[in-house]
PDB file of N, CA and C in Angstrom:
ATOM      1  N   MET A   1      11.593  16.741 -40.918  1.00  0.00           N
ATOM      2  CA  MET A   1      12.372  15.965 -39.977  1.00  0.00           C
ATOM      3  C   MET A   1      12.241  14.468 -40.293  1.00  0.00           C
ATOM      4  N   ARG A   2      11.017  14.039 -40.584  1.00  0.00           N
ATOM      5  CA  ARG A   2      10.820  12.613 -40.893  1.00  0.00           C
ATOM      6  C   ARG A   2      11.619  12.195 -42.119  1.00  0.00           C
ATOM      7  N   TYR A   3      11.665  13.077 -43.111  1.00  0.00           N
ATOM      8  CA  TYR A   3      12.408  12.757 -44.335  1.00  0.00           C
ATOM      9  C   TYR A   3      13.896  12.571 -44.018  1.00  0.00           C
ATOM     10  N   ILE A   4      14.447  13.448 -43.216  1.00  0.00           N
ATOM     11  CA  ILE A   4      15.873  13.361 -42.850  1.00  0.00           C
ATOM     12  C   ILE A   4      16.141  12.071 -42.086  1.00  0.00           C
ATOM     13  N   ILE A   5      15.289  11.768 -41.119  1.00  0.00           N
ATOM     14  CA  ILE A   5      15.459  10.542 -40.328  1.00  0.00           C
ATOM     15  C   ILE A   5      15.340   9.317 -41.221  1.00  0.00           C
ATOM     16  N   LYS A   6      14.384   9.342 -42.140  1.00  0.00           N
ATOM     17  CA  LYS A   6      14.208   8.207 -43.051  1.00  0.00           C
ATOM     18  C   LYS A   6      15.450   8.026 -43.928  1.00  0.00           C
ATOM     19  N   ARG A   7      15.980   9.103 -44.440  1.00  0.00           N
ATOM     20  CA  ARG A   7      17.159   9.041 -45.289  1.00  0.00           C
ATOM     21  C   ARG A   7      18.369   8.504 -44.527  1.00  0.00           C
ATOM     22  N   ILE A   8      18.568   8.980 -43.319  1.00  0.00           N
ATOM     23  CA  ILE A   8      19.695   8.516 -42.501  1.00  0.00           C
ATOM     24  C   ILE A   8      19.530   7.050 -42.130  1.00  0.00           C
ATOM     25  N   SER A   9      18.320   6.651 -41.729  1.00  0.00           N
ATOM     26  CA  SER A   9      18.108   5.254 -41.340  1.00  0.00           C
ATOM     27  C   SER A   9      18.272   4.324 -42.539  1.00  0.00           C
ATOM     28  N   ASN A  10      17.828   4.740 -43.709  1.00  0.00           N
ATOM     29  CA  ASN A  10      18.014   3.930 -44.914  1.00  0.00           C
ATOM     30  C   ASN A  10      19.494   3.770 -45.245  1.00  0.00           C
ATOM     31  N   SER A  11      20.254   4.855 -45.152  1.00  0.00           N
ATOM     32  CA  SER A  11      21.680   4.765 -45.468  1.00  0.00           C
ATOM     33  C   SER A  11      22.431   3.930 -44.432  1.00  0.00           C
ATOM     34  N   ALA A  12      21.867   3.818 -43.222  1.00  0.00           N
ATOM     35  CA  ALA A  12      22.476   2.991 -42.174  1.00  0.00           C
ATOM     36  C   ALA A  12      22.039   1.534 -42.271  1.00  0.00           C
ATOM     37  N   GLY A  13      21.161   1.239 -43.236  1.00  0.00           N
ATOM     38  CA  GLY A  13      20.703  -0.132 -43.416  1.00  0.00           C
ATOM     39  C   GLY A  13      19.593  -0.545 -42.470  1.00  0.00           C
ATOM     40  N   ILE A  14      18.927   0.427 -41.872  1.00  0.00           N
ATOM     41  CA  ILE A  14      17.811   0.123 -40.968  1.00  0.00           C
ATOM     42  C   ILE A  14      16.555  -0.006 -41.813  1.00  0.00           C
ATOM     43  N   ASN A  15      15.957  -1.184 -41.802  1.00  0.00           N
ATOM     44  CA  ASN A  15      14.789  -1.455 -42.634  1.00  0.00           C
ATOM     45  C   ASN A  15      13.490  -1.298 -41.865  1.00  0.00           C
ATOM     46  N   LYS A  16      13.443  -0.323 -41.003  1.00  0.00           N
ATOM     47  CA  LYS A  16      12.289  -0.111 -40.149  1.00  0.00           C
ATOM     48  C   LYS A  16      11.938   1.369 -40.193  1.00  0.00           C
ATOM     49  N   THR A  17      10.657   1.690 -40.151  1.00  0.00           N
ATOM     50  CA  THR A  17      10.253   3.088 -40.128  1.00  0.00           C
ATOM     51  C   THR A  17      10.541   3.674 -38.749  1.00  0.00           C
ATOM     52  N   ILE A  18      11.240   4.782 -38.745  1.00  0.00           N
ATOM     53  CA  ILE A  18      11.588   5.447 -37.486  1.00  0.00           C
ATOM     54  C   ILE A  18      10.970   6.843 -37.500  1.00  0.00           C
ATOM     55  N   HIS A  19      10.286   7.180 -36.428  1.00  0.00           N
ATOM     56  CA  HIS A  19       9.628   8.480 -36.304  1.00  0.00           C
ATOM     57  C   HIS A  19      10.393   9.348 -35.299  1.00  0.00           C
ATOM     58  N   PRO A  20      10.314  10.669 -35.439  1.00  0.00           N
ATOM     59  CA  PRO A  20      11.007  11.571 -34.501  1.00  0.00           C
ATOM     60  C   PRO A  20      10.650  11.300 -33.034  1.00  0.00           C
ATOM     61  N   HIS A  21       9.397  10.955 -32.767  1.00  0.00           N
ATOM     62  CA  HIS A  21       9.002  10.709 -31.371  1.00  0.00           C
ATOM     63  C   HIS A  21       9.723   9.486 -30.797  1.00  0.00           C
ATOM     64  N   GLN A  22      10.007   8.502 -31.641  1.00  0.00           N
ATOM     65  CA  GLN A  22      10.747   7.328 -31.168  1.00  0.00           C
ATOM     66  C   GLN A  22      12.145   7.725 -30.715  1.00  0.00           C
ATOM     67  N   LEU A  23      12.764   8.651 -31.417  1.00  0.00           N
ATOM     68  CA  LEU A  23      14.092   9.129 -31.008  1.00  0.00           C
ATOM     69  C   LEU A  23      14.014   9.863 -29.678  1.00  0.00           C
ATOM     70  N   ARG A  24      12.974  10.658 -29.517  1.00  0.00           N
ATOM     71  CA  ARG A  24      12.771  11.392 -28.260  1.00  0.00           C
ATOM     72  C   ARG A  24      12.573  10.416 -27.102  1.00  0.00           C
ATOM     73  N   HIS A  25      11.779   9.393 -27.329  1.00  0.00           N
ATOM     74  CA  HIS A  25      11.527   8.385 -26.301  1.00  0.00           C
ATOM     75  C   HIS A  25      12.818   7.617 -25.971  1.00  0.00           C
ATOM     76  N   SER A  26      13.568   7.262 -27.001  1.00  0.00           N
ATOM     77  CA  SER A  26      14.829   6.549 -26.790  1.00  0.00           C
ATOM     78  C   SER A  26      15.812   7.397 -25.995  1.00  0.00           C
ATOM     79  N   TYR A  27      15.853   8.682 -26.306  1.00  0.00           N
ATOM     80  CA  TYR A  27      16.724   9.626 -25.589  1.00  0.00           C
ATOM     81  C   TYR A  27      16.371   9.653 -24.107  1.00  0.00           C
ATOM     82  N   ALA A  28      15.095   9.798 -23.808  1.00  0.00           N
ATOM     83  CA  ALA A  28      14.646   9.851 -22.414  1.00  0.00           C
ATOM     84  C   ALA A  28      14.934   8.533 -21.703  1.00  0.00           C
ATOM     85  N   THR A  29      14.686   7.418 -22.361  1.00  0.00           N
ATOM     86  CA  THR A  29      14.927   6.110 -21.756  1.00  0.00           C
ATOM     87  C   THR A  29      16.416   5.898 -21.506  1.00  0.00           C
ATOM     88  N   HIS A  30      17.246   6.311 -22.440  1.00  0.00           N
ATOM     89  CA  HIS A  30      18.696   6.189 -22.279  1.00  0.00           C
ATOM     90  C   HIS A  30      19.171   7.009 -21.079  1.00  0.00           C
ATOM     91  N   LEU A  31      18.677   8.226 -20.963  1.00  0.00           N
ATOM     92  CA  LEU A  31      19.040   9.061 -19.814  1.00  0.00           C
ATOM     93  C   LEU A  31      18.626   8.398 -18.505  1.00  0.00           C
ATOM     94  N   LEU A  32      17.411   7.893 -18.467  1.00  0.00           N
ATOM     95  CA  LEU A  32      16.900   7.227 -17.265  1.00  0.00           C
ATOM     96  C   LEU A  32      17.735   6.006 -16.916  1.00  0.00           C
ATOM     97  N   ASN A  33      18.056   5.197 -17.917  1.00  0.00           N
ATOM     98  CA  ASN A  33      18.838   3.981 -17.681  1.00  0.00           C
ATOM     99  C   ASN A  33      20.242   4.274 -17.176  1.00  0.00           C
ATOM    100  N   ASN A  34      20.721   5.464 -17.470  1.00  0.00           N
ATOM    101  CA  ASN A  34      22.073   5.830 -17.055  1.00  0.00           C
ATOM    102  C   ASN A  34      22.093   6.742 -15.838  1.00  0.00           C
ATOM    103  N   GLY A  35      20.963   6.782 -15.129  1.00  0.00           N
ATOM    104  CA  GLY A  35      20.934   7.432 -13.829  1.00  0.00           C
ATOM    105  C   GLY A  35      20.573   8.899 -13.797  1.00  0.00           C
ATOM    106  N   ALA A  36      20.135   9.467 -14.900  1.00  0.00           N
ATOM    107  CA  ALA A  36      19.745  10.880 -14.884  1.00  0.00           C
ATOM    108  C   ALA A  36      18.489  11.056 -14.028  1.00  0.00           C
ATOM    109  N   PRO A  37      18.466  12.077 -13.182  1.00  0.00           N
ATOM    110  CA  PRO A  37      17.269  12.325 -12.370  1.00  0.00           C
ATOM    111  C   PRO A  37      16.072  12.693 -13.243  1.00  0.00           C
ATOM    112  N   LEU A  38      14.894  12.301 -12.799  1.00  0.00           N
ATOM    113  CA  LEU A  38      13.683  12.601 -13.560  1.00  0.00           C
ATOM    114  C   LEU A  38      13.501  14.101 -13.786  1.00  0.00           C
ATOM    115  N   GLU A  39      13.933  14.915 -12.835  1.00  0.00           N
ATOM    116  CA  GLU A  39      13.798  16.368 -12.976  1.00  0.00           C
ATOM    117  C   GLU A  39      14.630  16.884 -14.148  1.00  0.00           C
ATOM    118  N   VAL A  40      15.809  16.309 -14.347  1.00  0.00           N
ATOM    119  CA  VAL A  40      16.676  16.706 -15.459  1.00  0.00           C
ATOM    120  C   VAL A  40      16.040  16.282 -16.779  1.00  0.00           C
ATOM    121  N   ILE A  41      15.540  15.052 -16.825  1.00  0.00           N
ATOM    122  CA  ILE A  41      14.893  14.556 -18.040  1.00  0.00           C
ATOM    123  C   ILE A  41      13.667  15.408 -18.358  1.00  0.00           C
ATOM    124  N   GLN A  42      12.912  15.753 -17.340  1.00  0.00           N
ATOM    125  CA  GLN A  42      11.738  16.606 -17.517  1.00  0.00           C
ATOM    126  C   GLN A  42      12.137  17.931 -18.154  1.00  0.00           C
ATOM    127  N   SER A  43      13.194  18.523 -17.661  1.00  0.00           N
ATOM    128  CA  SER A  43      13.654  19.800 -18.196  1.00  0.00           C
ATOM    129  C   SER A  43      14.135  19.669 -19.641  1.00  0.00           C
ATOM    130  N   LEU A  44      14.903  18.626 -19.919  1.00  0.00           N
ATOM    131  CA  LEU A  44      15.428  18.431 -21.272  1.00  0.00           C
ATOM    132  C   LEU A  44      14.332  18.176 -22.294  1.00  0.00           C
ATOM    133  N   LEU A  45      13.275  17.485 -21.872  1.00  0.00           N
ATOM    134  CA  LEU A  45      12.171  17.188 -22.785  1.00  0.00           C
ATOM    135  C   LEU A  45      11.153  18.320 -22.864  1.00  0.00           C
ATOM    136  N   GLY A  46      11.245  19.261 -21.931  1.00  0.00           N
ATOM    137  CA  GLY A  46      10.316  20.384 -21.934  1.00  0.00           C
ATOM    138  C   GLY A  46       8.947  20.062 -21.386  1.00  0.00           C
ATOM    139  N   HIS A  47       8.874  19.049 -20.524  1.00  0.00           N
ATOM    140  CA  HIS A  47       7.593  18.699 -19.907  1.00  0.00           C
ATOM    141  C   HIS A  47       7.272  19.695 -18.800  1.00  0.00           C
ATOM    142  N   GLU A  48       6.051  20.184 -18.792  1.00  0.00           N
ATOM    143  CA  GLU A  48       5.627  21.072 -17.720  1.00  0.00           C
ATOM    144  C   GLU A  48       5.353  20.298 -16.434  1.00  0.00           C
ATOM    145  N   LYS A  49       4.755  19.117 -16.579  1.00  0.00           N
ATOM    146  CA  LYS A  49       4.364  18.324 -15.417  1.00  0.00           C
ATOM    147  C   LYS A  49       5.303  17.136 -15.253  1.00  0.00           C
ATOM    148  N   SER A  50       5.695  16.874 -14.024  1.00  0.00           N
ATOM    149  CA  SER A  50       6.576  15.740 -13.756  1.00  0.00           C
ATOM    150  C   SER A  50       5.876  14.409 -14.029  1.00  0.00           C
ATOM    151  N   GLU A  51       4.553  14.413 -13.947  1.00  0.00           N
ATOM    152  CA  GLU A  51       3.803  13.175 -14.205  1.00  0.00           C
ATOM    153  C   GLU A  51       4.029  12.682 -15.637  1.00  0.00           C
ATOM    154  N   THR A  52       4.182  13.608 -16.558  1.00  0.00           N
ATOM    155  CA  THR A  52       4.424  13.236 -17.951  1.00  0.00           C
ATOM    156  C   THR A  52       5.759  12.511 -18.079  1.00  0.00           C
ATOM    157  N   THR A  53       6.754  13.001 -17.386  1.00  0.00           N
ATOM    158  CA  THR A  53       8.083  12.391 -17.435  1.00  0.00           C
ATOM    159  C   THR A  53       8.096  11.050 -16.712  1.00  0.00           C
ATOM    160  N   ARG A  54       7.324  10.925 -15.663  1.00  0.00           N
ATOM    161  CA  ARG A  54       7.291   9.670 -14.900  1.00  0.00           C
ATOM    162  C   ARG A  54       6.787   8.499 -15.727  1.00  0.00           C
ATOM    163  N   ILE A  55       6.076   8.782 -16.804  1.00  0.00           N
ATOM    164  CA  ILE A  55       5.599   7.714 -17.693  1.00  0.00           C
ATOM    165  C   ILE A  55       6.782   6.897 -18.201  1.00  0.00           C
ATOM    166  N   TYR A  56       7.909   7.555 -18.495  1.00  0.00           N
ATOM    167  CA  TYR A  56       9.089   6.841 -18.969  1.00  0.00           C
ATOM    168  C   TYR A  56       9.587   5.859 -17.915  1.00  0.00           C
ATOM    169  N   ALA A  57       9.582   6.285 -16.669  1.00  0.00           N
ATOM    170  CA  ALA A  57      10.028   5.405 -15.593  1.00  0.00           C
ATOM    171  C   ALA A  57       9.073   4.230 -15.433  1.00  0.00           C
ATOM    172  N   GLN A  58       7.790   4.486 -15.532  1.00  0.00           N
ATOM    173  CA  GLN A  58       6.802   3.409 -15.396  1.00  0.00           C
ATOM    174  C   GLN A  58       6.927   2.419 -16.536  1.00  0.00           C
ATOM    175  N   LEU A  59       7.099   2.908 -17.755  1.00  0.00           N
ATOM    176  CA  LEU A  59       7.252   2.018 -18.905  1.00  0.00           C
ATOM    177  C   LEU A  59       8.530   1.210 -18.781  1.00  0.00           C
ATOM    178  N   ARG A  60       9.585   1.840 -18.337  1.00  0.00           N
ATOM    179  CA  ARG A  60      10.865   1.160 -18.216  1.00  0.00           C
ATOM    180  C   ARG A  60      10.791   0.093 -17.125  1.00  0.00           C
ATOM    181  N   TRP A  61      10.109   0.379 -16.035  1.00  0.00           N
ATOM    182  CA  TRP A  61       9.994  -0.596 -14.946  1.00  0.00           C
ATOM    183  C   TRP A  61       9.276  -1.852 -15.427  1.00  0.00           C
ATOM    184  N   LYS A  62       8.269  -1.686 -16.240  1.00  0.00           N
ATOM    185  CA  LYS A  62       7.520  -2.832 -16.746  1.00  0.00           C
ATOM    186  C   LYS A  62       8.379  -3.707 -17.643  1.00  0.00           C
ATOM    187  N   THR A  63       9.305  -3.100 -18.381  1.00  0.00           N
ATOM    188  CA  THR A  63      10.078  -3.884 -19.336  1.00  0.00           C
ATOM    189  C   THR A  63      11.372  -4.435 -18.746  1.00  0.00           C
ATOM    190  N   SER A  64      11.978  -3.757 -17.789  1.00  0.00           N
ATOM    191  CA  SER A  64      13.240  -4.233 -17.246  1.00  0.00           C
ATOM    192  C   SER A  64      13.462  -3.757 -15.808  1.00  0.00           C
ATOM    193  N   PRO A  65      12.891  -4.455 -14.848  1.00  0.00           N
ATOM    194  CA  PRO A  65      13.037  -4.050 -13.447  1.00  0.00           C
ATOM    195  C   PRO A  65      14.489  -4.007 -12.990  1.00  0.00           C
ATOM    196  N   ARG A  66      15.337  -4.877 -13.504  1.00  0.00           N
ATOM    197  CA  ARG A  66      16.742  -4.899 -13.079  1.00  0.00           C
ATOM    198  C   ARG A  66      17.460  -3.593 -13.387  1.00  0.00           C
ATOM    199  N   VAL A  67      17.173  -3.027 -14.545  1.00  0.00           N
ATOM    200  CA  VAL A  67      17.825  -1.774 -14.925  1.00  0.00           C
ATOM    201  C   VAL A  67      17.422  -0.656 -13.974  1.00  0.00           C
ATOM    202  N   LEU A  68      16.136  -0.541 -13.678  1.00  0.00           N
ATOM    203  CA  LEU A  68      15.684   0.508 -12.781  1.00  0.00           C
ATOM    204  C   LEU A  68      16.162   0.301 -11.359  1.00  0.00           C
ATOM    205  N   GLN A  69      16.276  -0.934 -10.929  1.00  0.00           N
ATOM    206  CA  GLN A  69      16.787  -1.189  -9.598  1.00  0.00           C
ATOM    207  C   GLN A  69      18.211  -0.682  -9.490  1.00  0.00           C
ATOM    208  N   LYS A  70      19.004  -0.855 -10.528  1.00  0.00           N
ATOM    209  CA  LYS A  70      20.368  -0.345 -10.534  1.00  0.00           C
ATOM    210  C   LYS A  70      20.375   1.165 -10.446  1.00  0.00           C
ATOM    211  N   VAL A  71      19.464   1.817 -11.166  1.00  0.00           N
ATOM    212  CA  VAL A  71      19.410   3.274 -11.188  1.00  0.00           C
ATOM    213  C   VAL A  71      18.959   3.839  -9.850  1.00  0.00           C
ATOM    214  N   PHE A  72      17.888   3.281  -9.287  1.00  0.00           N
ATOM    215  CA  PHE A  72      17.289   3.863  -8.098  1.00  0.00           C
ATOM    216  C   PHE A  72      17.804   3.286  -6.777  1.00  0.00           C
ATOM    217  N   LEU A  73      18.458   2.148  -6.818  1.00  0.00           N
ATOM    218  CA  LEU A  73      18.931   1.527  -5.571  1.00  0.00           C
ATOM    219  C   LEU A  73      20.457   1.464  -5.500  1.00  0.00           C
ATOM    220  N   LYS A  74      21.104   2.468  -6.042  1.00  0.00           N
ATOM    221  CA  LYS A  74      22.570   2.499  -6.029  1.00  0.00           C
ATOM    222  C   LYS A  74      23.108   2.492  -4.619  1.00  0.00           C
TER     223      LYS A  74
END
């Protein structure tokens, strides 16, 4: 998987190492930023415990409170 991601990122002109977990994290963050419920994200990521999924919300809140306010205070 890493080889495929590296090949695609190189052909796209991305000069940064990208790991599969970064894509997974980006996917979860994108879903959260666009209003997906944590329960849905938990299911899509295959997390058994909701606490694991809540880490994404906590990390996102630290980096951009405005985005989360839009999501949770609609």
